[in-house]
N, C-alpha and C. Protein backbone atom coordinates (compact mmCIF):
# COMPACT_ATOMS: atom_id res chain seq x y z
N MET A 1 16.69 56.27 -11.74
CA MET A 1 16.30 55.02 -11.90
C MET A 1 16.47 54.03 -11.35
N PRO A 2 15.61 53.11 -10.12
CA PRO A 2 15.96 52.44 -9.23
C PRO A 2 16.22 50.93 -9.98
N ALA A 3 17.17 50.26 -9.55
CA ALA A 3 17.56 49.19 -10.21
C ALA A 3 17.30 47.87 -9.02
N VAL A 4 16.61 47.08 -9.03
CA VAL A 4 16.72 45.73 -8.24
C VAL A 4 17.23 44.66 -8.48
N LEU A 5 18.10 43.78 -7.83
CA LEU A 5 18.69 42.79 -8.21
C LEU A 5 17.46 41.57 -8.12
N LEU A 6 17.27 40.71 -9.13
CA LEU A 6 16.26 39.59 -9.46
C LEU A 6 17.06 38.27 -8.91
N ALA A 7 18.32 38.06 -9.53
CA ALA A 7 18.89 36.94 -9.45
C ALA A 7 20.45 37.09 -9.51
N GLY A 8 21.00 36.93 -8.33
CA GLY A 8 22.57 37.46 -8.52
C GLY A 8 23.24 36.39 -9.44
N PRO A 9 24.49 36.26 -9.25
CA PRO A 9 25.25 35.53 -9.95
C PRO A 9 25.18 34.05 -9.88
N PRO A 10 25.46 33.10 -10.71
CA PRO A 10 25.10 31.61 -10.25
C PRO A 10 26.55 31.26 -9.74
N ALA A 11 27.51 31.77 -9.89
CA ALA A 11 28.87 31.42 -9.09
C ALA A 11 29.34 32.67 -8.72
N GLU A 12 30.60 32.36 -7.96
CA GLU A 12 31.54 33.45 -7.84
C GLU A 12 32.88 33.23 -8.87
N PRO A 13 33.39 34.59 -8.86
CA PRO A 13 34.54 34.29 -9.93
C PRO A 13 35.84 33.77 -9.33
N LEU A 14 35.89 33.31 -8.19
CA LEU A 14 36.73 32.03 -7.97
C LEU A 14 35.95 31.15 -7.04
N THR A 15 36.43 30.03 -7.32
CA THR A 15 35.87 28.55 -6.58
C THR A 15 36.37 28.91 -5.10
N LEU A 16 35.82 28.00 -4.18
CA LEU A 16 36.23 28.07 -2.82
C LEU A 16 37.64 27.65 -3.02
N ALA A 17 37.97 26.51 -3.75
CA ALA A 17 39.35 25.68 -3.62
C ALA A 17 40.35 27.01 -4.33
N GLU A 18 39.84 27.41 -5.24
CA GLU A 18 41.05 28.45 -5.75
C GLU A 18 41.20 29.50 -4.74
N ALA A 19 40.10 29.96 -4.15
CA ALA A 19 40.04 31.48 -3.13
C ALA A 19 40.96 30.85 -1.96
N LYS A 20 40.76 29.45 -1.38
CA LYS A 20 41.43 28.95 -0.59
C LYS A 20 43.26 28.74 -0.88
N ALA A 21 43.26 28.14 -2.18
CA ALA A 21 44.78 28.25 -2.45
C ALA A 21 45.57 29.51 -2.72
N TYR A 22 44.77 30.38 -3.05
CA TYR A 22 45.59 31.89 -3.27
C TYR A 22 45.54 32.37 -1.62
N LEU A 23 44.91 31.78 -0.65
CA LEU A 23 45.05 32.54 0.58
C LEU A 23 46.11 31.51 1.31
N ARG A 24 46.25 30.25 0.92
CA ARG A 24 47.22 29.41 1.12
C ARG A 24 46.73 28.55 2.64
N VAL A 25 45.22 28.16 2.61
CA VAL A 25 44.72 27.81 3.90
C VAL A 25 44.26 26.21 3.47
N ASP A 26 44.88 25.47 3.95
CA ASP A 26 44.79 24.06 3.83
C ASP A 26 43.89 23.02 4.73
N HIS A 27 42.81 23.84 5.21
CA HIS A 27 42.03 23.04 6.33
C HIS A 27 40.69 23.58 5.84
N GLU A 28 39.64 22.92 6.56
CA GLU A 28 38.40 23.27 6.23
C GLU A 28 37.49 24.10 7.35
N ALA A 29 38.32 24.32 8.29
CA ALA A 29 37.58 25.06 9.40
C ALA A 29 36.95 26.47 8.87
N GLU A 30 37.67 27.00 8.12
CA GLU A 30 37.14 28.15 7.71
C GLU A 30 36.44 28.73 6.48
N ASP A 31 36.01 27.32 5.77
CA ASP A 31 35.48 27.37 4.78
C ASP A 31 34.17 28.48 4.43
N GLY A 32 33.34 28.54 5.68
CA GLY A 32 32.23 29.13 5.70
C GLY A 32 32.80 30.77 5.54
N LEU A 33 33.67 31.02 6.24
CA LEU A 33 34.21 32.33 6.48
C LEU A 33 34.64 32.90 5.25
N ILE A 34 35.62 31.84 4.30
CA ILE A 34 36.24 32.39 3.42
C ILE A 34 35.05 32.54 2.30
N ALA A 35 34.09 31.46 2.13
CA ALA A 35 33.25 31.82 1.19
C ALA A 35 32.24 33.02 1.10
N SER A 36 32.10 33.26 2.53
CA SER A 36 31.39 34.67 2.64
C SER A 36 32.12 36.07 2.55
N LEU A 37 33.67 36.09 2.78
CA LEU A 37 34.52 37.13 2.22
C LEU A 37 34.69 36.90 0.61
N LEU A 38 34.48 35.83 -0.09
CA LEU A 38 34.74 36.05 -1.35
C LEU A 38 33.31 36.74 -2.14
N THR A 39 32.05 36.15 -1.52
CA THR A 39 31.01 37.11 -1.92
C THR A 39 31.21 38.45 -1.85
N SER A 40 31.94 39.01 -0.36
CA SER A 40 31.83 40.43 0.02
C SER A 40 32.88 40.97 -0.99
N ALA A 41 33.99 40.08 -1.44
CA ALA A 41 35.06 40.81 -2.09
C ALA A 41 34.68 41.06 -3.63
N ARG A 42 33.77 40.02 -4.13
CA ARG A 42 33.29 40.26 -5.33
C ARG A 42 32.23 41.41 -5.42
N ALA A 43 31.45 41.58 -4.69
CA ALA A 43 30.38 42.95 -4.24
C ALA A 43 31.32 44.11 -4.11
N THR A 44 32.44 44.25 -3.43
CA THR A 44 33.03 45.16 -3.12
C THR A 44 34.05 45.97 -4.68
N VAL A 45 34.55 44.65 -5.60
CA VAL A 45 34.86 44.89 -6.77
C VAL A 45 33.81 45.62 -7.63
N GLU A 46 32.63 44.91 -7.91
CA GLU A 46 31.57 45.50 -8.32
C GLU A 46 31.46 47.25 -8.18
N ALA A 47 31.01 47.34 -6.49
CA ALA A 47 30.91 48.62 -6.33
C ALA A 47 31.90 49.53 -6.80
N LEU A 48 33.24 49.39 -6.70
CA LEU A 48 34.31 50.00 -7.09
C LEU A 48 34.48 50.41 -8.76
N THR A 49 33.88 49.47 -9.33
CA THR A 49 33.91 49.57 -10.78
C THR A 49 32.64 50.03 -11.28
N ARG A 50 31.62 49.75 -10.64
CA ARG A 50 29.97 50.01 -10.99
C ARG A 50 29.89 49.15 -12.11
N ARG A 51 30.26 47.86 -12.01
CA ARG A 51 29.82 46.76 -13.02
C ARG A 51 29.77 45.53 -12.53
N VAL A 52 29.11 44.50 -12.90
CA VAL A 52 28.82 43.46 -12.24
C VAL A 52 29.70 42.34 -12.87
N LEU A 53 30.09 41.34 -12.31
CA LEU A 53 31.30 40.69 -13.13
C LEU A 53 30.49 39.51 -13.80
N ILE A 54 29.60 38.46 -12.91
CA ILE A 54 29.23 37.50 -13.91
C ILE A 54 27.73 37.58 -14.16
N ASP A 55 26.96 37.31 -14.90
CA ASP A 55 25.79 37.41 -15.46
C ASP A 55 24.61 37.59 -14.18
N GLN A 56 23.82 38.70 -13.68
CA GLN A 56 22.90 38.98 -12.83
C GLN A 56 21.71 39.33 -13.67
N SER A 57 20.61 39.21 -13.04
CA SER A 57 19.33 39.84 -13.38
C SER A 57 18.83 40.68 -12.52
N TRP A 58 18.55 41.72 -13.42
CA TRP A 58 17.80 42.96 -12.71
C TRP A 58 16.64 43.75 -13.06
N ARG A 59 16.06 44.16 -12.46
CA ARG A 59 14.75 45.25 -12.85
C ARG A 59 14.82 46.33 -12.53
N LEU A 60 14.44 47.18 -13.87
CA LEU A 60 14.34 48.78 -13.53
C LEU A 60 13.24 49.21 -13.86
N THR A 61 12.81 50.33 -12.75
CA THR A 61 11.72 50.82 -12.96
C THR A 61 11.87 52.60 -13.34
N ARG A 62 10.67 52.89 -13.99
CA ARG A 62 10.58 54.08 -14.57
C ARG A 62 9.20 54.54 -14.76
N ASP A 63 9.12 55.95 -14.42
CA ASP A 63 7.49 56.60 -14.68
C ASP A 63 7.42 56.85 -15.68
N ALA A 64 8.42 57.18 -16.84
CA ALA A 64 7.63 57.45 -17.71
C ALA A 64 8.69 56.97 -19.16
N TRP A 65 8.19 57.12 -20.28
CA TRP A 65 9.25 56.89 -21.44
C TRP A 65 10.02 58.18 -21.43
N PRO A 66 11.82 58.21 -21.62
CA PRO A 66 12.28 59.31 -21.72
C PRO A 66 11.98 60.31 -23.27
N ALA A 67 12.19 61.66 -22.98
CA ALA A 67 11.73 62.21 -24.25
C ALA A 67 12.70 62.38 -25.25
N SER A 68 13.99 61.70 -24.91
CA SER A 68 14.85 61.56 -25.90
C SER A 68 14.76 59.98 -26.40
N GLY A 69 14.13 59.19 -25.86
CA GLY A 69 13.91 57.75 -26.24
C GLY A 69 15.05 56.84 -25.94
N LEU A 70 15.99 57.33 -25.18
CA LEU A 70 17.36 56.86 -24.74
C LEU A 70 17.14 56.35 -22.86
N ILE A 71 17.25 55.39 -22.60
CA ILE A 71 17.40 55.04 -21.35
C ILE A 71 18.67 54.64 -20.87
N PRO A 72 19.39 55.10 -19.98
CA PRO A 72 20.68 54.62 -19.83
C PRO A 72 20.78 53.45 -18.47
N VAL A 73 21.15 52.44 -18.59
CA VAL A 73 21.26 51.52 -17.77
C VAL A 73 22.09 51.76 -16.46
N PRO A 74 21.59 51.73 -15.48
CA PRO A 74 22.48 51.94 -14.22
C PRO A 74 23.37 50.63 -13.77
N VAL A 75 23.07 49.63 -14.41
CA VAL A 75 23.73 48.24 -14.16
C VAL A 75 24.30 47.76 -15.27
N ASN A 76 25.84 47.52 -15.35
CA ASN A 76 26.71 47.44 -16.54
C ASN A 76 27.44 46.28 -16.38
N PRO A 77 27.92 45.63 -17.23
CA PRO A 77 27.83 45.87 -18.64
C PRO A 77 26.31 45.09 -18.85
N LEU A 78 25.45 46.08 -19.63
CA LEU A 78 24.09 45.83 -20.11
C LEU A 78 24.47 44.70 -20.92
N ARG A 79 23.74 43.22 -21.26
CA ARG A 79 24.10 42.27 -21.83
C ARG A 79 22.60 41.97 -22.75
N GLU A 80 21.63 41.82 -22.19
CA GLU A 80 20.32 41.35 -22.76
C GLU A 80 18.90 41.94 -22.26
N LEU A 81 17.88 42.53 -22.65
CA LEU A 81 16.80 43.26 -22.33
C LEU A 81 16.18 41.68 -22.46
N LEU A 82 15.21 41.35 -21.32
CA LEU A 82 14.66 39.99 -21.00
C LEU A 82 13.23 40.21 -21.25
N ALA A 83 12.55 41.44 -20.66
CA ALA A 83 11.09 41.64 -20.70
C ALA A 83 10.93 43.22 -20.52
N VAL A 84 10.03 43.57 -21.24
CA VAL A 84 9.37 45.12 -20.55
C VAL A 84 7.89 45.03 -20.51
N LYS A 85 7.33 45.67 -19.52
CA LYS A 85 6.00 45.54 -19.12
C LYS A 85 5.81 47.28 -18.62
N VAL A 86 4.50 47.69 -19.13
CA VAL A 86 3.77 49.08 -18.81
C VAL A 86 2.77 48.47 -18.09
N ILE A 87 2.48 49.15 -16.64
CA ILE A 87 1.22 48.83 -16.04
C ILE A 87 0.52 49.95 -15.63
N ASP A 88 -0.95 49.56 -16.09
CA ASP A 88 -1.81 50.50 -16.33
C ASP A 88 -2.37 50.95 -14.53
N ALA A 89 -3.46 52.16 -14.89
CA ALA A 89 -3.91 52.41 -13.43
C ALA A 89 -4.33 51.38 -12.50
N ALA A 90 -4.77 50.37 -12.83
CA ALA A 90 -5.52 49.34 -11.96
C ALA A 90 -4.56 48.24 -11.43
N GLY A 91 -3.11 48.54 -12.24
CA GLY A 91 -2.14 47.50 -11.51
C GLY A 91 -1.79 46.42 -12.58
N GLY A 92 -2.55 46.62 -13.37
CA GLY A 92 -2.49 45.38 -14.75
C GLY A 92 -1.22 45.57 -15.44
N GLU A 93 -0.53 44.25 -15.75
CA GLU A 93 0.76 44.71 -16.88
C GLU A 93 0.44 44.29 -18.01
N THR A 94 1.13 44.68 -18.88
CA THR A 94 0.89 44.50 -20.36
C THR A 94 2.44 44.22 -20.62
N ALA A 95 2.73 43.13 -21.37
CA ALA A 95 4.26 42.93 -21.83
C ALA A 95 4.44 43.50 -23.14
N LEU A 96 5.28 44.35 -23.49
CA LEU A 96 5.72 45.08 -24.41
C LEU A 96 6.54 44.23 -25.44
N PRO A 97 6.48 44.37 -26.82
CA PRO A 97 7.40 43.62 -27.91
C PRO A 97 8.91 44.31 -27.84
N LEU A 98 9.66 43.17 -27.54
CA LEU A 98 11.15 43.49 -27.37
C LEU A 98 11.58 43.79 -28.52
N GLY A 99 11.05 43.94 -29.84
CA GLY A 99 11.62 44.45 -31.09
C GLY A 99 11.28 46.18 -31.08
N ALA A 100 10.40 46.71 -29.92
CA ALA A 100 10.31 48.13 -30.10
C ALA A 100 11.74 48.80 -28.99
N PHE A 101 12.77 47.84 -28.68
CA PHE A 101 13.86 48.37 -28.21
C PHE A 101 14.84 47.75 -28.53
N THR A 102 16.31 48.88 -28.67
CA THR A 102 17.26 48.20 -29.45
C THR A 102 18.48 48.83 -28.32
N LEU A 103 19.22 47.78 -28.17
CA LEU A 103 20.06 47.90 -27.16
C LEU A 103 21.73 48.26 -27.52
N ASP A 104 22.18 49.44 -26.82
CA ASP A 104 23.81 49.61 -27.28
C ASP A 104 24.42 49.03 -26.21
N THR A 105 24.62 47.63 -26.21
CA THR A 105 25.65 46.97 -25.44
C THR A 105 27.00 47.58 -25.06
N ALA A 106 27.84 47.87 -26.29
CA ALA A 106 29.13 48.33 -26.63
C ALA A 106 29.37 49.49 -25.43
N ARG A 107 28.81 50.50 -25.44
CA ARG A 107 29.17 51.66 -24.70
C ARG A 107 28.86 51.20 -23.07
N LEU A 108 29.40 52.14 -21.91
CA LEU A 108 29.19 52.06 -20.82
C LEU A 108 28.99 53.40 -20.19
N PRO A 109 27.87 53.68 -19.57
CA PRO A 109 27.00 52.79 -19.53
C PRO A 109 26.09 52.36 -20.44
N GLY A 110 25.34 51.09 -20.61
CA GLY A 110 24.61 50.57 -21.59
C GLY A 110 23.47 51.74 -21.98
N LEU A 111 23.17 51.69 -22.97
CA LEU A 111 21.86 52.40 -23.19
C LEU A 111 20.68 51.45 -23.78
N ILE A 112 19.84 51.78 -23.74
CA ILE A 112 18.51 50.94 -24.29
C ILE A 112 17.37 52.18 -25.22
N ARG A 113 17.45 51.75 -26.23
CA ARG A 113 16.70 52.99 -27.12
C ARG A 113 15.29 52.63 -27.19
N VAL A 114 14.12 53.34 -26.79
CA VAL A 114 13.00 52.90 -27.10
C VAL A 114 12.35 53.55 -28.44
N ASP A 115 11.50 52.87 -29.14
CA ASP A 115 10.86 53.27 -30.31
C ASP A 115 9.28 53.64 -29.52
N ARG A 116 9.26 54.81 -29.35
CA ARG A 116 8.22 55.84 -28.45
C ARG A 116 6.68 55.65 -29.22
N ALA A 117 6.81 55.47 -30.65
CA ALA A 117 5.63 55.14 -31.46
C ALA A 117 5.19 54.18 -31.17
N ALA A 118 5.90 53.07 -30.52
CA ALA A 118 5.45 51.48 -30.84
C ALA A 118 5.33 51.04 -29.47
N VAL A 119 5.21 51.94 -28.11
CA VAL A 119 4.87 51.65 -27.12
C VAL A 119 3.68 52.49 -26.22
N PRO A 120 3.20 52.11 -25.59
CA PRO A 120 2.01 52.98 -24.68
C PRO A 120 2.73 53.56 -23.72
N ALA A 121 2.18 54.75 -23.29
CA ALA A 121 2.21 55.50 -22.12
C ALA A 121 1.97 54.34 -20.82
N PRO A 122 2.73 54.41 -19.84
CA PRO A 122 1.99 53.72 -18.63
C PRO A 122 0.71 54.29 -18.11
N GLY A 123 0.21 53.61 -17.49
CA GLY A 123 -1.02 54.09 -16.79
C GLY A 123 -1.10 54.37 -15.59
N ARG A 124 0.08 54.08 -15.03
CA ARG A 124 0.51 54.81 -13.49
C ARG A 124 1.55 55.59 -13.69
N ALA A 125 1.18 56.73 -12.64
CA ALA A 125 2.44 57.95 -12.84
C ALA A 125 3.42 57.58 -11.91
N LEU A 126 3.48 56.52 -11.13
CA LEU A 126 4.91 56.10 -10.58
C LEU A 126 5.04 54.58 -10.95
N ALA A 127 6.32 54.24 -11.27
CA ALA A 127 7.18 53.24 -11.53
C ALA A 127 6.34 52.42 -12.55
N GLY A 128 5.27 53.12 -13.45
CA GLY A 128 4.65 52.48 -14.58
C GLY A 128 5.39 51.66 -15.55
N ILE A 129 6.65 51.58 -15.63
CA ILE A 129 7.47 50.99 -16.69
C ILE A 129 8.58 50.03 -15.54
N VAL A 130 8.38 48.78 -16.23
CA VAL A 130 9.10 47.60 -15.72
C VAL A 130 10.13 47.06 -16.87
N LEU A 131 11.39 47.27 -16.69
CA LEU A 131 12.44 46.39 -17.73
C LEU A 131 13.39 45.43 -16.99
N ASP A 132 13.46 44.45 -17.26
CA ASP A 132 14.19 43.30 -16.81
C ASP A 132 15.06 42.85 -17.79
N ILE A 133 16.60 43.20 -16.90
CA ILE A 133 17.75 43.12 -18.00
C ILE A 133 18.58 42.03 -17.54
N THR A 134 19.76 41.51 -18.04
CA THR A 134 20.61 40.52 -17.88
C THR A 134 21.87 41.58 -18.03
N ALA A 135 22.85 41.78 -16.85
CA ALA A 135 23.84 42.77 -16.90
C ALA A 135 25.03 41.73 -16.39
N GLY A 136 26.26 41.85 -16.93
CA GLY A 136 27.51 41.18 -16.35
C GLY A 136 28.19 41.05 -17.81
N HIS A 137 29.53 40.28 -17.37
CA HIS A 137 30.43 40.00 -18.39
C HIS A 137 30.24 38.94 -19.03
N GLY A 138 29.26 37.91 -18.39
CA GLY A 138 28.97 36.58 -19.00
C GLY A 138 28.69 35.81 -17.70
N PRO A 139 28.34 34.27 -18.33
CA PRO A 139 27.55 33.59 -17.51
C PRO A 139 28.75 32.79 -16.43
N THR A 140 29.85 32.99 -16.80
CA THR A 140 30.94 32.44 -15.87
C THR A 140 32.03 33.27 -15.77
N ALA A 141 32.97 32.81 -14.74
CA ALA A 141 33.96 33.56 -14.44
C ALA A 141 34.97 33.59 -15.65
N ASN A 142 34.81 32.51 -16.40
CA ASN A 142 35.76 32.55 -17.53
C ASN A 142 35.69 33.95 -18.58
N HIS A 143 34.42 34.45 -18.57
CA HIS A 143 34.14 35.99 -19.38
C HIS A 143 34.38 37.34 -18.74
N VAL A 144 35.09 36.93 -17.24
CA VAL A 144 35.40 38.17 -16.64
C VAL A 144 37.02 38.65 -16.92
N PRO A 145 37.11 39.76 -17.19
CA PRO A 145 38.32 40.36 -17.78
C PRO A 145 39.42 39.89 -16.39
N SER A 146 40.86 39.26 -16.56
CA SER A 146 41.54 38.86 -15.49
C SER A 146 42.03 39.63 -14.62
N PRO A 147 41.97 41.14 -15.08
CA PRO A 147 42.49 42.19 -13.51
C PRO A 147 41.20 42.35 -12.93
N LEU A 148 39.95 41.93 -13.31
CA LEU A 148 38.96 41.88 -12.12
C LEU A 148 39.20 41.06 -11.20
N ILE A 149 39.31 39.78 -11.94
CA ILE A 149 39.52 38.60 -11.18
C ILE A 149 40.63 38.80 -10.05
N GLU A 150 41.99 39.24 -10.64
CA GLU A 150 42.93 39.52 -9.60
C GLU A 150 42.42 40.73 -8.66
N ALA A 151 41.63 41.76 -9.11
CA ALA A 151 41.21 42.48 -8.08
C ALA A 151 40.11 41.92 -7.02
N VAL A 152 39.52 40.71 -7.42
CA VAL A 152 38.47 39.96 -6.37
C VAL A 152 39.59 39.43 -5.50
N ARG A 153 40.93 38.63 -6.07
CA ARG A 153 41.89 38.04 -5.25
C ARG A 153 42.64 38.97 -4.08
N VAL A 154 42.88 40.49 -4.45
CA VAL A 154 43.33 41.31 -3.42
C VAL A 154 42.30 41.51 -2.66
N VAL A 155 41.28 41.70 -2.98
CA VAL A 155 40.24 41.92 -1.75
C VAL A 155 39.84 41.17 -0.74
N LEU A 156 39.59 39.93 -1.59
CA LEU A 156 39.67 38.70 -0.65
C LEU A 156 41.08 38.36 0.40
N ALA A 157 41.88 38.69 -0.20
CA ALA A 157 43.23 38.47 0.76
C ALA A 157 43.17 39.60 1.84
N HIS A 158 42.77 40.84 1.37
CA HIS A 158 42.65 41.91 2.45
C HIS A 158 41.82 41.73 3.45
N PHE A 159 40.37 41.26 2.99
CA PHE A 159 39.36 40.93 3.98
C PHE A 159 40.09 39.92 4.93
N TYR A 160 40.81 38.93 4.37
CA TYR A 160 40.99 37.61 5.06
C TYR A 160 41.97 38.25 6.43
N GLU A 161 43.12 38.92 5.63
CA GLU A 161 44.17 39.24 6.47
C GLU A 161 43.62 40.34 7.57
N HIS A 162 42.86 41.09 7.36
CA HIS A 162 42.51 42.20 8.05
C HIS A 162 41.29 42.09 8.80
N ARG A 163 40.72 40.75 9.06
CA ARG A 163 39.20 40.77 9.35
C ARG A 163 39.25 41.42 10.80
N ASP A 164 40.15 41.68 11.54
CA ASP A 164 40.04 42.12 12.90
C ASP A 164 40.60 43.45 13.31
N VAL A 165 40.95 44.22 12.02
CA VAL A 165 41.67 45.20 12.30
C VAL A 165 40.76 46.62 11.73
N PRO A 166 40.24 46.92 12.52
CA PRO A 166 39.30 48.38 12.51
C PRO A 166 40.14 49.58 11.87
N GLY A 167 39.63 50.35 11.48
CA GLY A 167 40.23 52.07 11.09
C GLY A 167 40.79 51.62 10.07
N ALA A 168 42.04 53.01 10.14
CA ALA A 168 42.99 53.24 8.98
C ALA A 168 43.66 51.97 8.22
N GLY A 169 44.24 51.14 9.45
CA GLY A 169 44.83 50.07 9.05
C GLY A 169 44.53 49.08 8.14
N ALA A 170 42.95 49.23 8.32
CA ALA A 170 42.29 48.15 7.45
C ALA A 170 42.24 48.63 5.76
N ALA A 171 42.84 49.94 5.42
CA ALA A 171 42.80 50.42 3.95
C ALA A 171 43.10 49.57 2.92
N PHE A 172 42.44 49.51 1.99
CA PHE A 172 42.91 48.46 0.60
C PHE A 172 44.17 48.95 0.32
N PRO A 173 45.06 47.90 -0.29
CA PRO A 173 46.30 48.14 -1.17
C PRO A 173 46.39 48.94 -2.20
N ALA A 174 47.13 49.78 -2.46
CA ALA A 174 47.37 50.70 -3.49
C ALA A 174 47.16 50.03 -4.82
N ARG A 175 47.57 48.54 -4.81
CA ARG A 175 47.50 48.02 -6.31
C ARG A 175 45.98 47.84 -6.85
N LEU A 176 45.20 47.48 -5.80
CA LEU A 176 43.46 47.35 -5.91
C LEU A 176 43.11 48.64 -7.36
N ASP A 177 43.50 49.68 -6.57
CA ASP A 177 43.11 51.08 -7.65
C ASP A 177 43.65 50.61 -8.84
N ALA A 178 44.89 50.53 -9.29
CA ALA A 178 45.58 49.96 -10.20
C ALA A 178 44.99 49.14 -11.33
N LEU A 179 44.37 47.87 -10.64
CA LEU A 179 43.22 47.08 -11.34
C LEU A 179 42.09 47.26 -11.88
N VAL A 180 41.63 48.11 -11.15
CA VAL A 180 39.93 48.50 -11.43
C VAL A 180 39.92 49.91 -11.84
N ALA A 181 40.70 50.78 -11.75
CA ALA A 181 40.46 52.00 -12.61
C ALA A 181 40.39 52.19 -14.05
N PRO A 182 41.01 51.12 -15.07
CA PRO A 182 40.39 50.93 -16.23
C PRO A 182 39.21 50.54 -16.42
N PHE A 183 38.47 49.65 -15.50
CA PHE A 183 36.92 49.04 -15.71
C PHE A 183 36.04 49.89 -14.88
N ARG A 184 36.34 51.24 -14.60
CA ARG A 184 35.13 52.08 -13.90
C ARG A 184 34.43 52.36 -14.76
N VAL A 185 32.97 52.19 -14.60
CA VAL A 185 32.07 52.80 -15.41
C VAL A 185 31.67 54.41 -14.52
N THR A 186 31.67 55.10 -15.58
CA THR A 186 31.46 56.57 -15.10
C THR A 186 29.81 57.01 -15.02
N ARG A 187 29.49 57.64 -14.37
CA ARG A 187 27.76 58.05 -14.03
C ARG A 187 27.54 59.18 -15.43
N LEU A 188 26.34 59.14 -16.12
CA LEU A 188 26.10 59.83 -16.78
C LEU A 188 25.59 61.15 -16.12
């Protein structure tokens, strides 16, 4: 099931000032570089854990409702179902009542249970179902587990210190794996 990012996080897990303090940078000449590396560090931690840190909006598409009625969510942790639409053969969209869906946000990956008797089949054979969700630990960095914030710091420092080092010399420090391992989401 493809997932498309609709809106990224409103902020990074660290402010620019926090990132500069961690890197011991006291000038403004590299603010753009550090901001870019911070975004890359967050994205790296998200890729390593298969979870997004700060709330983001995503669109999931499906061809049909699953026979089991269970839709595993590829973007975690699942927080909210925003909208569900089915698309007819002519391309018209019909919004479905959110009451026909139940979320299991406690499990990773999250699950959406659909009441198949309460929803119509899509009229389009490919990508006939669209689900918009919010995934993340919360709307601010305060909601992100502290080991994941530390992982972002480790990756940021690594990127900053090794920005000119190609190859094996640029391998992540071993402690990064210890920070992210408990938070990895396994695939179903």
